[in-house]
Amino acid sequence: MRRALDFYAVISVHGIKLSRQGFTLFLQLLNFLIVLSLCTGGLLLYHGIAMFGRAWYNINEVITMEVRKVRERICFYSSMFEGRSSAWEIAREAVRWGVGGLELMNFCDELKEPDMKAAKEIGTFARGAGLTLPCFSVGIDLYSECNRAQIERLRAYADICSALEIPYLHHTLITALDPSILNAPLDPVMKTVAEAALDVSDYAASKGVQTIVENMGFVVNGAKNYARFRNETGGKIGVLLDVGNIMFMDETAENFCAKFASGIDHVHVKDYDLSDAPKTQYSYKTKKGSYLTDAPIGQGDANVGRTVSILEKAGYRGHYSLEFCGGQSDREIERVLAYLCETIDGV
């Protein structure tokens, strides 16, 4: 019986799975029918089968609702499909897979610049298809010579979030992923990005939008540096946990959660393989000299499942945005969705 209870029965080609509670109830009903048939036979067995049929229908209804509730918390991130850069295409994929949300970003062809008309058209389609828009992400460098121009671009994206009623505007701070930046004094870098981020945050707040910043790169990443950024900005800027990015600092997402779990607003999910040498030309170097290579979610070294469990137990009820699933084939997306649903539902 114990092994049976660890089994998740597939009830959908897209990886929807029966919860442990539902499967337990199914086994109890089946045992009841077997006992009934042995003890009575005939008429009572007929009524028992009819009762079982009704109960099984109700169970399926409950399970469908459970799965839908879990999937509503999963977003497709506009950068998760390699080689696809249209927000329209990602939105249609989100609808096809039955996830709950779409996270737009400026890597999309239509949104490379803050185009209000294009954003409204995409947002109208997404909302009409039942998708939520929890966050808009902007990849940008605030530690650059054109700092002021970048701030103005972010303000324009904040206007889009306000118009589309997107609660969070996420933006990066430093796009470079080179650990040599740690050889320079950290104070002036931190001060520059913190001041720029506060400028954007104050403007966004006036529009009813909360800015959030993820742990990324080497300056505002790792529990210690991220806490320092939070202090520099007075806690005005929300917390976005990127489960994979923390590995750039040779730390774990579990450690990050231990410090910030109660205040995390949004989560990006991706995974990396950790190795002593680069596996491809696209491998990234970590703070201590190891290498990270994109891996399918749940199959790398980021401990995605454990991190999600920690977040759920800490009371996190926000969205999980998928960044990279590993090839993005239907089979791989199905596996990742099943993996996340099972992890969230199993807490």
Protein backbone atom coordinates (compact mmCIF):
# COMPACT_ATOMS: atom_id res chain seq x y z
CA MET A 1 0.00 0.00 0.00
CA ARG A 2 2.80 2.44 0.88
CA ARG A 3 4.33 2.08 -2.58
CA ALA A 4 0.93 2.57 -4.13
CA LEU A 5 0.42 5.83 -2.24
CA ASP A 6 3.67 7.18 -3.67
CA PHE A 7 2.30 6.61 -7.15
CA TYR A 8 0.80 9.49 -9.11
CA ALA A 9 -1.73 8.31 -11.68
CA VAL A 10 -1.53 10.25 -14.95
CA ILE A 11 -4.92 11.53 -16.06
CA SER A 12 -3.81 13.91 -18.81
CA VAL A 13 -1.43 13.90 -21.77
CA HIS A 14 -0.05 17.16 -20.40
CA GLY A 15 1.20 15.61 -17.18
CA ILE A 16 -1.75 16.37 -14.88
CA LYS A 17 -1.50 13.95 -12.00
CA LEU A 18 -3.79 12.54 -9.38
CA SER A 19 -3.10 13.84 -5.89
CA ARG A 20 -2.08 11.50 -3.07
CA GLN A 21 -5.35 12.29 -1.28
CA GLY A 22 -7.42 11.45 -4.35
CA PHE A 23 -5.53 8.25 -5.02
CA THR A 24 -5.92 7.16 -1.39
CA LEU A 25 -9.68 7.67 -1.61
CA PHE A 26 -9.76 5.71 -4.84
CA LEU A 27 -8.06 2.74 -3.16
CA GLN A 28 -10.45 2.90 -0.21
CA LEU A 29 -13.44 2.78 -2.52
CA LEU A 30 -11.97 -0.10 -4.47
CA ASN A 31 -11.31 -2.07 -1.26
CA PHE A 32 -14.88 -1.39 -0.17
CA LEU A 33 -16.27 -2.83 -3.40
CA ILE A 34 -14.13 -5.93 -3.14
CA VAL A 35 -15.32 -6.59 0.42
CA LEU A 36 -18.90 -5.89 -0.60
CA SER A 37 -18.75 -8.38 -3.46
CA LEU A 38 -17.30 -11.08 -1.21
CA CYS A 39 -19.85 -10.58 1.57
CA THR A 40 -23.10 -9.98 -0.30
CA GLY A 41 -23.03 -10.39 -4.06
CA GLY A 42 -25.86 -9.66 -6.46
CA LEU A 43 -27.99 -6.58 -5.80
CA LEU A 44 -25.72 -4.95 -3.28
CA LEU A 45 -22.79 -5.31 -5.65
CA TYR A 46 -24.80 -3.61 -8.39
CA HIS A 47 -25.59 -0.67 -6.11
CA GLY A 48 -21.98 -0.62 -4.94
CA ILE A 49 -20.72 -0.31 -8.49
CA ALA A 50 -23.17 2.50 -9.18
CA MET A 51 -22.05 4.29 -6.02
CA PHE A 52 -18.43 3.78 -7.01
CA GLY A 53 -19.09 5.31 -10.42
CA ARG A 54 -20.64 8.41 -8.90
CA ALA A 55 -17.84 8.71 -6.36
CA TRP A 56 -15.18 8.33 -9.04
CA TYR A 57 -16.80 11.06 -11.11
CA ASN A 58 -16.76 13.37 -8.08
CA ILE A 59 -13.14 12.50 -7.36
CA ASN A 60 -12.16 13.40 -10.90
CA GLU A 61 -13.94 16.72 -10.55
CA VAL A 62 -12.07 17.45 -7.31
CA ILE A 63 -8.73 16.37 -8.79
CA THR A 64 -9.27 18.50 -11.88
CA MET A 65 -9.90 21.50 -9.63
CA GLU A 66 -6.81 20.70 -7.54
CA VAL A 67 -4.58 20.46 -10.60
CA ARG A 68 -6.02 23.62 -12.12
CA LYS A 69 -5.40 25.48 -8.86
CA VAL A 70 -1.75 24.38 -8.83
CA ARG A 71 -1.21 25.15 -12.51
CA GLU A 72 -2.66 28.61 -12.08
CA ARG A 73 0.51 29.45 -10.14
CA ILE A 74 2.84 28.47 -12.98
CA CYS A 75 3.81 31.05 -15.60
CA PHE A 76 5.47 30.79 -18.95
CA TYR A 77 8.29 33.29 -19.05
CA SER A 78 8.81 34.96 -22.40
CA SER A 79 12.41 33.75 -22.56
CA MET A 80 11.75 30.06 -21.92
CA PHE A 81 11.35 28.98 -25.53
CA GLU A 82 14.71 28.94 -27.24
CA GLY A 83 14.51 30.46 -30.70
CA ARG A 84 11.04 31.91 -30.14
CA SER A 85 10.92 35.61 -29.47
CA SER A 86 7.29 36.56 -30.10
CA ALA A 87 5.16 37.35 -27.08
CA TRP A 88 2.12 36.22 -29.06
CA GLU A 89 3.62 32.79 -29.59
CA ILE A 90 4.55 32.37 -25.92
CA ALA A 91 1.05 33.48 -24.90
CA ARG A 92 -0.53 30.87 -27.17
CA GLU A 93 1.78 28.20 -25.73
CA ALA A 94 0.73 29.18 -22.21
CA VAL A 95 -2.92 28.75 -23.20
CA ARG A 96 -2.21 25.42 -24.91
CA TRP A 97 -0.49 24.02 -21.83
CA GLY A 98 -3.10 25.27 -19.40
CA VAL A 99 -0.78 27.24 -17.14
CA GLY A 100 -2.13 30.20 -15.25
CA GLY A 101 0.10 33.06 -16.23
CA LEU A 102 2.34 34.81 -18.70
CA GLU A 103 5.36 36.88 -17.74
CA LEU A 104 6.14 39.37 -20.47
CA MET A 105 9.63 40.76 -20.99
CA ASN A 106 11.52 43.13 -23.23
CA PHE A 107 13.32 40.28 -25.02
CA CYS A 108 10.09 39.74 -26.98
CA ASP A 109 10.12 41.17 -30.49
CA GLU A 110 7.05 43.29 -29.82
CA LEU A 111 8.30 44.68 -26.50
CA LYS A 112 12.00 45.40 -27.04
CA GLU A 113 11.00 49.01 -26.52
CA PRO A 114 8.13 50.15 -24.27
CA ASP A 115 5.36 49.99 -26.87
CA MET A 116 2.07 50.66 -25.05
CA LYS A 117 -0.16 49.71 -28.00
CA ALA A 118 1.55 46.34 -28.57
CA ALA A 119 1.55 45.56 -24.85
CA LYS A 120 -2.16 46.30 -24.54
CA GLU A 121 -2.99 44.04 -27.50
CA ILE A 122 -1.01 41.15 -26.06
CA GLY A 123 -2.41 41.76 -22.58
CA THR A 124 -5.98 41.79 -23.87
CA PHE A 125 -5.45 38.48 -25.65
CA ALA A 126 -3.80 36.90 -22.61
CA ARG A 127 -6.47 38.00 -20.16
CA GLY A 128 -9.22 37.00 -22.56
CA ALA A 129 -7.69 33.51 -22.69
CA GLY A 130 -7.74 33.27 -18.90
CA LEU A 131 -4.08 34.07 -18.25
CA THR A 132 -2.90 36.32 -15.44
CA LEU A 133 -0.04 38.80 -15.96
CA PRO A 134 1.80 38.82 -12.63
CA CYS A 135 5.04 40.45 -13.73
CA PHE A 136 6.79 42.29 -16.54
CA SER A 137 10.56 41.70 -16.76
CA VAL A 138 13.11 44.05 -18.28
CA GLY A 139 16.71 43.10 -18.91
CA ILE A 140 18.67 46.31 -18.49
CA ASP A 141 22.01 47.62 -17.22
CA LEU A 142 21.84 50.42 -14.65
CA TYR A 143 25.59 50.48 -14.16
CA SER A 144 26.40 52.10 -17.48
CA GLU A 145 27.24 55.44 -19.03
CA CYS A 146 23.64 55.83 -20.27
CA ASN A 147 22.22 55.27 -16.80
CA ARG A 148 19.66 58.10 -17.06
CA ALA A 149 18.33 56.87 -20.40
CA GLN A 150 17.88 53.38 -18.96
CA ILE A 151 15.96 54.79 -16.02
CA GLU A 152 13.61 56.59 -18.41
CA ARG A 153 13.05 53.35 -20.33
CA LEU A 154 12.13 51.58 -17.11
CA ARG A 155 9.71 54.37 -16.23
CA ALA A 156 7.99 53.80 -19.58
CA TYR A 157 7.72 50.08 -18.81
CA ALA A 158 6.23 51.01 -15.43
CA ASP A 159 3.57 52.96 -17.34
CA ILE A 160 2.79 49.79 -19.29
CA CYS A 161 2.50 47.75 -16.09
CA SER A 162 0.14 50.35 -14.66
CA ALA A 163 -2.04 50.40 -17.78
CA LEU A 164 -2.21 46.59 -17.91
CA GLU A 165 -2.63 46.25 -14.12
CA ILE A 166 0.52 44.14 -13.86
CA PRO A 167 1.49 44.30 -10.17
CA TYR A 168 5.25 43.72 -10.50
CA LEU A 169 7.91 45.32 -12.67
CA HIS A 170 11.09 43.28 -12.47
CA HIS A 171 14.31 44.67 -13.88
CA THR A 172 17.93 43.62 -13.78
CA LEU A 173 20.69 45.85 -12.47
CA ILE A 174 23.90 44.69 -14.11
CA THR A 175 23.73 42.41 -17.13
CA ALA A 176 27.38 41.32 -17.18
CA LEU A 177 28.00 37.80 -15.86
CA ASP A 178 31.74 38.16 -15.29
CA PRO A 179 33.04 37.35 -11.78
CA SER A 180 36.01 39.69 -12.29
CA ILE A 181 33.70 42.55 -11.28
CA LEU A 182 34.25 41.33 -7.71
CA ASN A 183 37.89 42.41 -7.97
CA ALA A 184 36.81 46.06 -7.99
CA PRO A 185 35.52 47.93 -4.90
CA LEU A 186 31.88 47.00 -4.39
CA ASP A 187 30.71 50.22 -2.70
CA PRO A 188 30.52 52.52 -5.77
CA VAL A 189 28.87 49.84 -7.90
CA MET A 190 26.27 49.05 -5.25
CA LYS A 191 25.58 52.73 -4.65
CA THR A 192 25.08 53.49 -8.35
CA VAL A 193 22.61 50.65 -9.01
CA ALA A 194 20.78 51.20 -5.73
CA GLU A 195 20.19 54.90 -6.47
CA ALA A 196 18.97 54.12 -10.00
CA ALA A 197 16.71 51.33 -8.75
CA LEU A 198 15.18 53.65 -6.15
CA ASP A 199 14.47 56.26 -8.82
CA VAL A 200 12.56 53.68 -10.84
CA SER A 201 10.86 52.27 -7.75
CA ASP A 202 9.56 55.66 -6.61
CA TYR A 203 8.15 56.42 -10.05
CA ALA A 204 6.56 52.96 -10.37
CA ALA A 205 5.00 53.26 -6.91
CA SER A 206 3.33 56.51 -8.01
CA LYS A 207 1.68 54.42 -10.75
CA GLY A 208 0.59 51.63 -8.40
CA VAL A 209 3.35 49.25 -9.47
CA GLN A 210 5.87 47.46 -7.23
CA THR A 211 9.39 47.02 -8.58
CA ILE A 212 11.22 43.81 -7.73
CA VAL A 213 14.83 42.79 -8.27
CA GLU A 214 16.20 39.28 -8.59
CA ASN A 215 19.46 37.86 -7.32
CA MET A 216 21.60 37.95 -10.46
CA GLY A 217 25.23 38.10 -11.48
CA PHE A 218 27.81 38.89 -8.80
CA VAL A 219 27.02 42.28 -7.28
CA VAL A 220 23.41 41.88 -6.12
CA ASN A 221 23.48 38.13 -5.62
CA GLY A 222 24.15 35.80 -2.73
CA ALA A 223 22.46 36.24 0.64
CA LYS A 224 24.99 38.77 1.97
CA ASN A 225 25.16 41.06 -1.08
CA TYR A 226 21.42 40.90 -1.66
CA ALA A 227 20.79 41.90 1.96
CA ARG A 228 23.18 44.80 1.47
CA PHE A 229 21.22 45.96 -1.59
CA ARG A 230 18.02 45.73 0.44
CA ASN A 231 19.57 47.92 3.12
CA GLU A 232 20.81 50.43 0.52
CA THR A 233 17.28 50.75 -0.88
CA GLY A 234 15.49 50.79 2.46
CA GLY A 235 13.49 47.69 1.68
CA LYS A 236 11.40 49.60 -0.87
CA ILE A 237 12.16 47.14 -3.67
CA GLY A 238 10.57 43.71 -3.64
CA VAL A 239 12.34 40.35 -3.70
CA LEU A 240 12.45 38.07 -6.71
CA LEU A 241 14.17 34.73 -6.13
CA ASP A 242 15.88 33.17 -9.12
CA VAL A 243 16.47 29.56 -8.09
CA GLY A 244 19.30 29.02 -10.57
CA ASN A 245 21.07 32.38 -10.38
CA ILE A 246 22.14 31.89 -6.77
CA MET A 247 24.61 29.28 -8.03
CA PHE A 248 26.74 32.01 -9.61
CA MET A 249 27.82 32.86 -6.06
CA ASP A 250 28.35 29.19 -5.18
CA GLU A 251 25.45 29.38 -2.76
CA THR A 252 22.14 27.54 -2.65
CA ALA A 253 18.59 28.77 -3.00
CA GLU A 254 17.82 27.09 0.33
CA ASN A 255 20.24 29.48 2.05
CA PHE A 256 18.67 32.45 0.28
CA CYS A 257 15.22 31.28 1.37
CA ALA A 258 16.38 30.98 4.96
CA LYS A 259 16.96 34.75 4.97
CA PHE A 260 14.28 36.08 2.63
CA ALA A 261 11.53 33.42 2.28
CA SER A 262 8.87 35.40 4.16
CA GLY A 263 9.35 38.40 1.87
CA ILE A 264 9.69 36.80 -1.57
CA ASP A 265 7.23 38.29 -4.07
CA HIS A 266 7.95 36.29 -7.21
CA VAL A 267 10.05 33.31 -8.32
CA HIS A 268 11.96 32.48 -11.51
CA VAL A 269 12.68 28.79 -12.00
CA LYS A 270 15.63 27.51 -13.95
CA ASP A 271 18.32 24.90 -13.38
CA TYR A 272 22.04 24.50 -14.00
CA ASP A 273 24.55 21.68 -14.11
CA LEU A 274 27.55 22.47 -11.92
CA SER A 275 30.95 21.27 -13.15
CA ASP A 276 34.67 21.86 -12.73
CA ALA A 277 35.14 22.67 -16.42
CA PRO A 278 32.91 24.32 -19.05
CA LYS A 279 30.64 21.83 -20.83
CA THR A 280 29.78 24.13 -23.74
CA GLN A 281 30.77 27.52 -25.09
CA TYR A 282 27.74 28.89 -23.23
CA SER A 283 28.83 27.70 -19.77
CA TYR A 284 29.13 30.44 -17.13
CA LYS A 285 31.89 30.83 -14.57
CA THR A 286 30.97 31.03 -10.88
CA LYS A 287 32.57 33.14 -8.14
CA LYS A 288 34.87 30.29 -7.08
CA GLY A 289 35.75 29.16 -10.60
CA SER A 290 33.29 26.34 -11.25
CA TYR A 291 31.02 26.36 -14.31
CA LEU A 292 27.26 26.44 -14.85
CA THR A 293 25.49 25.04 -17.90
CA ASP A 294 21.76 25.27 -18.62
CA ALA A 295 19.95 22.11 -17.52
CA PRO A 296 16.33 20.92 -17.74
CA ILE A 297 14.37 22.05 -14.68
CA GLY A 298 14.59 19.42 -11.96
CA GLN A 299 17.51 17.59 -13.54
CA GLY A 300 20.37 19.96 -12.63
CA ASP A 301 22.08 20.88 -9.38
CA ALA A 302 19.89 23.79 -8.26
CA ASN A 303 17.69 21.67 -5.97
CA VAL A 304 14.54 23.14 -7.50
CA GLY A 305 12.18 20.71 -5.79
CA ARG A 306 13.64 21.30 -2.33
CA THR A 307 13.52 25.08 -2.82
CA VAL A 308 9.87 25.00 -3.91
CA SER A 309 9.02 22.88 -0.86
CA ILE A 310 10.75 25.38 1.45
CA LEU A 311 8.87 28.28 -0.15
CA GLU A 312 5.51 26.55 0.11
CA LYS A 313 6.06 25.65 3.76
CA ALA A 314 7.08 29.26 4.43
CA GLY A 315 3.71 30.41 3.07
CA TYR A 316 4.68 31.53 -0.44
CA ARG A 317 1.59 31.57 -2.65
CA GLY A 318 2.87 33.55 -5.62
CA HIS A 319 3.77 32.46 -9.13
CA TYR A 320 6.59 30.30 -10.46
CA SER A 321 7.85 31.52 -13.84
CA LEU A 322 9.63 28.90 -15.95
CA GLU A 323 12.73 30.22 -17.72
CA PHE A 324 14.31 27.18 -19.33
CA CYS A 325 12.90 23.68 -19.54
CA GLY A 326 15.64 22.03 -21.60
CA GLY A 327 14.90 21.96 -25.30
CA GLN A 328 11.25 22.98 -24.88
CA SER A 329 9.90 19.86 -26.59
CA ASP A 330 6.35 18.93 -25.65
CA ARG A 331 7.66 15.92 -23.76
CA GLU A 332 10.06 18.04 -21.70
CA ILE A 333 7.48 20.72 -20.92
CA GLU A 334 5.07 17.98 -19.86
CA ARG A 335 7.71 16.55 -17.52
CA VAL A 336 8.56 19.92 -15.98
CA LEU A 337 4.92 20.86 -15.38
CA ALA A 338 4.25 17.47 -13.79
CA TYR A 339 7.39 17.83 -11.65
CA LEU A 340 6.40 21.26 -10.35
CA CYS A 341 2.76 20.32 -9.81
CA GLU A 342 3.81 17.24 -7.86
CA THR A 343 6.23 19.26 -5.73
CA ILE A 344 3.75 22.02 -4.92
CA ASP A 345 0.87 19.61 -4.29
CA GLY A 346 3.01 17.32 -2.15
CA VAL A 347 3.89 19.94 0.47
